Amino acid sequence: MSPAAPPFQPLARRLRQATQTRHTQVERSALMQRLLRGQLGRADYCGWLCDLHALYSALEDGLDTPAVQQRLAPLLDPALARRSALDQDLGQLHGPDWRADLQASPPAQAYALHLQGLAIRQPLGLAAHAYVRYLGDLAGGQVLARVVGQSLGLAGGPGLAFYDFGGPARVGELAMRFRSGLDQLARDEDEAQALEDEACAAFDRHGDWFDWRCPP
């Protein structure tokens, strides 16, 4: 009798391990360090939010398409959507004309185009970018909300909707549900490897984007 095949590693754990080094590099980028230290002024912060809006618009438009919804059903949760919150924050921090005044950076625009392409040709790949973005937002949102609120004088009021997922218990619940849904997606090793590769590429794109916004 041949030996039993090794158990299939949970996808959330696999992606975390595969992207750990890249994740650390992005966290140490000049942009993230300035953001975490409260050193990003309002204009630069609004530019970063504009980039995020471009990414989330592409990602969430893709997640809303029927083919993607069918393939990624275990992962989808409307409570994670961030585009509307970014609309609110940009309107509050920049003003109602932010769409006319601000333009996403070239790396963010290229990233958004990549996400649009995945929605058409490789719907499963969007899960890797949802993993990078949504779990990152859930993990770091509370800290960033405090720092941004203090540095921009928002005092926990309007302008911080992007970080608001609810209280700590709600944040933990959303993260747990997302990981559980992610673990249900890969049907074989080829799909798991494709998601791992796309998650690594997502962090590489973040690195290029952050370095454009704030050169090392």
Protein backbone atom coordinates (compact mmCIF):
# COMPACT_ATOMS: atom_id res chain seq x y z
CA MET A 1 0.00 0.00 0.00
CA SER A 2 1.36 3.39 -0.96
CA PRO A 3 1.84 5.97 1.81
CA ALA A 4 -1.00 8.39 2.38
CA ALA A 5 -0.69 11.80 0.77
CA PRO A 6 0.23 14.61 3.17
CA PRO A 7 -2.73 16.69 4.34
CA PHE A 8 -3.55 19.75 2.28
CA GLN A 9 -2.18 22.78 4.11
CA PRO A 10 -4.83 25.40 4.95
CA LEU A 11 -4.56 28.12 2.35
CA ALA A 12 -4.60 31.05 4.79
CA ARG A 13 -1.61 29.60 6.64
CA ARG A 14 0.17 28.80 3.40
CA LEU A 15 -0.23 32.33 2.07
CA ARG A 16 0.93 33.84 5.36
CA GLN A 17 4.09 31.73 5.33
CA ALA A 18 4.80 32.33 1.64
CA THR A 19 4.44 36.11 1.88
CA GLN A 20 6.02 36.70 5.29
CA THR A 21 9.29 38.16 4.00
CA ARG A 22 7.55 40.40 1.46
CA HIS A 23 5.02 41.49 4.09
CA THR A 24 7.84 42.58 6.40
CA GLN A 25 9.52 44.51 3.59
CA VAL A 26 6.31 46.40 2.81
CA GLU A 27 5.74 47.17 6.50
CA ARG A 28 9.24 48.66 6.64
CA SER A 29 8.75 50.82 3.55
CA ALA A 30 9.27 54.55 3.95
CA LEU A 31 5.58 55.23 3.30
CA MET A 32 4.35 52.87 6.00
CA GLN A 33 6.91 54.15 8.49
CA ARG A 34 5.83 57.74 7.91
CA LEU A 35 2.19 56.72 8.16
CA LEU A 36 2.72 54.79 11.40
CA ARG A 37 4.67 57.69 12.91
CA GLY A 38 2.01 60.22 12.03
CA GLN A 39 4.36 62.00 9.61
CA LEU A 40 2.15 61.91 6.50
CA GLY A 41 0.51 65.27 5.88
CA ARG A 42 -3.09 65.63 4.79
CA ALA A 43 -2.29 66.14 1.08
CA ASP A 44 -0.03 63.07 0.90
CA TYR A 45 -2.50 61.05 2.94
CA CYS A 46 -5.34 61.97 0.56
CA GLY A 47 -3.13 60.92 -2.36
CA TRP A 48 -2.65 57.54 -0.71
CA LEU A 49 -6.41 57.23 -0.11
CA CYS A 50 -7.00 58.05 -3.77
CA ASP A 51 -4.70 55.16 -4.71
CA LEU A 52 -6.57 52.88 -2.35
CA HIS A 53 -9.85 53.96 -3.92
CA ALA A 54 -8.58 52.96 -7.37
CA LEU A 55 -7.53 49.55 -6.05
CA TYR A 56 -10.70 48.85 -4.14
CA SER A 57 -12.89 50.02 -7.01
CA ALA A 58 -11.21 47.49 -9.32
CA LEU A 59 -11.16 44.74 -6.70
CA GLU A 60 -14.75 45.17 -5.58
CA ASP A 61 -16.09 45.61 -9.11
CA GLY A 62 -14.42 42.29 -9.89
CA LEU A 63 -15.79 40.60 -6.79
CA ASP A 64 -19.29 41.75 -7.78
CA THR A 65 -19.26 40.01 -11.18
CA PRO A 66 -21.34 36.80 -11.39
CA ALA A 67 -18.43 34.56 -12.44
CA VAL A 68 -16.27 35.74 -9.55
CA GLN A 69 -19.10 35.55 -7.03
CA GLN A 70 -19.74 31.96 -8.00
CA ARG A 71 -16.07 30.97 -7.76
CA LEU A 72 -15.23 32.91 -4.59
CA ALA A 73 -18.55 32.55 -2.75
CA PRO A 74 -17.01 31.24 0.53
CA LEU A 75 -14.81 34.34 0.72
CA LEU A 76 -17.25 37.14 0.01
CA ASP A 77 -18.50 39.37 2.82
CA PRO A 78 -20.08 42.78 2.17
CA ALA A 79 -18.86 43.95 5.60
CA LEU A 80 -15.30 44.03 4.25
CA ALA A 81 -16.00 46.37 1.32
CA ARG A 82 -13.98 49.59 1.58
CA ARG A 83 -14.81 51.69 -1.48
CA SER A 84 -17.75 53.50 0.10
CA ALA A 85 -15.71 54.26 3.22
CA LEU A 86 -12.92 55.69 1.07
CA ASP A 87 -15.48 57.88 -0.72
CA GLN A 88 -16.52 59.26 2.65
CA ASP A 89 -12.99 59.88 3.89
CA LEU A 90 -11.82 61.59 0.70
CA GLY A 91 -14.90 63.81 0.69
CA GLN A 92 -14.26 64.73 4.31
CA LEU A 93 -10.49 65.24 4.11
CA HIS A 94 -10.09 66.71 0.64
CA GLY A 95 -13.55 67.92 -0.30
CA PRO A 96 -16.39 67.04 -2.66
CA ASP A 97 -14.24 67.65 -5.75
CA TRP A 98 -11.64 65.05 -4.87
CA ARG A 99 -12.36 62.98 -7.99
CA ALA A 100 -11.56 65.96 -10.21
CA ASP A 101 -8.60 67.15 -8.14
CA LEU A 102 -6.78 63.90 -7.36
CA GLN A 103 -5.37 61.19 -9.61
CA ALA A 104 -4.15 57.76 -8.62
CA SER A 105 -0.42 57.16 -8.96
CA PRO A 106 0.88 55.21 -11.98
CA PRO A 107 1.66 52.08 -9.88
CA ALA A 108 -1.85 52.16 -8.38
CA GLN A 109 -3.40 52.57 -11.82
CA ALA A 110 -1.36 49.65 -13.14
CA TYR A 111 -2.40 47.55 -10.14
CA ALA A 112 -6.07 48.39 -10.75
CA LEU A 113 -5.75 47.32 -14.39
CA HIS A 114 -4.20 44.04 -13.25
CA LEU A 115 -7.16 43.40 -10.95
CA GLN A 116 -9.59 44.17 -13.76
CA GLY A 117 -7.80 41.65 -15.95
CA LEU A 118 -7.90 38.96 -13.27
CA ALA A 119 -11.67 39.35 -12.94
CA ILE A 120 -11.96 38.41 -16.61
CA ARG A 121 -9.31 35.76 -17.15
CA GLN A 122 -8.53 34.32 -13.68
CA PRO A 123 -11.26 35.05 -11.11
CA LEU A 124 -9.59 32.89 -8.47
CA GLY A 125 -6.61 35.24 -8.48
CA LEU A 126 -8.68 38.05 -6.98
CA ALA A 127 -8.80 36.04 -3.75
CA ALA A 128 -5.06 36.56 -3.27
CA HIS A 129 -5.42 40.34 -3.51
CA ALA A 130 -8.46 40.31 -1.23
CA TYR A 131 -6.31 38.36 1.24
CA VAL A 132 -3.52 40.95 1.14
CA ARG A 133 -5.81 43.96 1.39
CA TYR A 134 -8.68 42.95 3.68
CA LEU A 135 -6.70 41.00 6.25
CA GLY A 136 -4.13 43.79 6.31
CA ASP A 137 -6.87 46.34 6.89
CA LEU A 138 -8.39 44.28 9.67
CA ALA A 139 -5.04 43.63 11.35
CA GLY A 140 -3.66 47.17 11.23
CA GLY A 141 -6.76 49.31 11.01
CA GLN A 142 -7.22 50.08 14.68
CA VAL A 143 -3.63 51.26 15.12
CA LEU A 144 -3.70 53.35 11.94
CA ALA A 145 -7.03 54.90 12.91
CA ARG A 146 -5.49 56.20 16.15
CA VAL A 147 -2.32 57.47 14.48
CA VAL A 148 -4.07 59.14 11.55
CA GLY A 149 -6.72 60.59 13.84
CA GLN A 150 -4.08 62.19 16.06
CA SER A 151 -1.76 63.38 13.27
CA LEU A 152 -4.56 64.95 11.20
CA GLY A 153 -6.55 66.23 14.16
CA LEU A 154 -9.59 64.05 13.48
CA ALA A 155 -10.05 62.86 17.08
CA GLY A 156 -11.89 59.71 16.04
CA GLY A 157 -14.50 61.62 14.05
CA PRO A 158 -15.29 61.81 10.33
CA GLY A 159 -12.43 60.98 8.00
CA LEU A 160 -11.59 57.57 9.47
CA ALA A 161 -14.35 55.43 7.97
CA PHE A 162 -11.81 53.32 6.05
CA TYR A 163 -10.59 51.76 9.29
CA ASP A 164 -14.01 51.18 10.85
CA PHE A 165 -15.02 47.52 10.82
CA GLY A 166 -16.63 47.66 14.27
CA GLY A 167 -15.14 46.83 17.65
CA PRO A 168 -12.28 44.39 18.33
CA ALA A 169 -14.61 41.40 18.63
CA ARG A 170 -16.18 42.21 15.27
CA VAL A 171 -12.75 42.65 13.67
CA GLY A 172 -11.68 39.25 14.99
CA GLU A 173 -14.85 37.64 13.72
CA LEU A 174 -14.45 39.09 10.23
CA ALA A 175 -10.81 37.95 10.03
CA MET A 176 -11.70 34.45 11.19
CA ARG A 177 -14.52 34.15 8.67
CA PHE A 178 -12.29 35.40 5.88
CA ARG A 179 -9.57 32.86 6.65
CA SER A 180 -12.15 30.08 6.84
CA GLY A 181 -13.57 31.08 3.46
CA LEU A 182 -10.10 31.29 1.95
CA ASP A 183 -9.32 27.75 3.10
CA GLN A 184 -12.27 26.49 1.04
CA LEU A 185 -11.16 27.93 -2.28
CA ALA A 186 -8.24 25.88 -3.60
CA ARG A 187 -9.41 22.58 -5.04
CA ASP A 188 -5.95 21.19 -5.80
CA GLU A 189 -2.25 21.96 -5.51
CA ASP A 190 -2.15 23.86 -8.80
CA GLU A 191 -4.81 26.29 -7.60
CA ALA A 192 -3.12 26.68 -4.22
CA GLN A 193 0.20 27.44 -5.91
CA ALA A 194 -1.43 29.94 -8.26
CA LEU A 195 -2.92 31.77 -5.27
CA GLU A 196 0.42 31.73 -3.47
CA ASP A 197 2.16 33.20 -6.52
CA GLU A 198 -0.51 35.90 -6.92
CA ALA A 199 -0.31 36.85 -3.22
CA CYS A 200 3.47 37.24 -3.51
CA ALA A 201 2.98 39.36 -6.62
CA ALA A 202 0.46 41.49 -4.72
CA PHE A 203 3.02 42.35 -2.07
CA ASP A 204 5.58 43.14 -4.79
CA ARG A 205 3.09 45.54 -6.37
CA HIS A 206 2.50 47.16 -2.98
CA GLY A 207 6.24 47.63 -2.58
CA ASP A 208 6.58 49.36 -5.96
CA TRP A 209 3.51 51.51 -5.26
CA PHE A 210 4.64 52.56 -1.78
CA ASP A 211 8.14 53.38 -3.02
CA TRP A 212 6.65 55.61 -5.74
CA ARG A 213 4.57 57.49 -3.17
CA CYS A 214 7.46 57.79 -0.72
CA PRO A 215 10.90 56.88 -2.14
CA PRO A 216 13.22 55.05 0.28
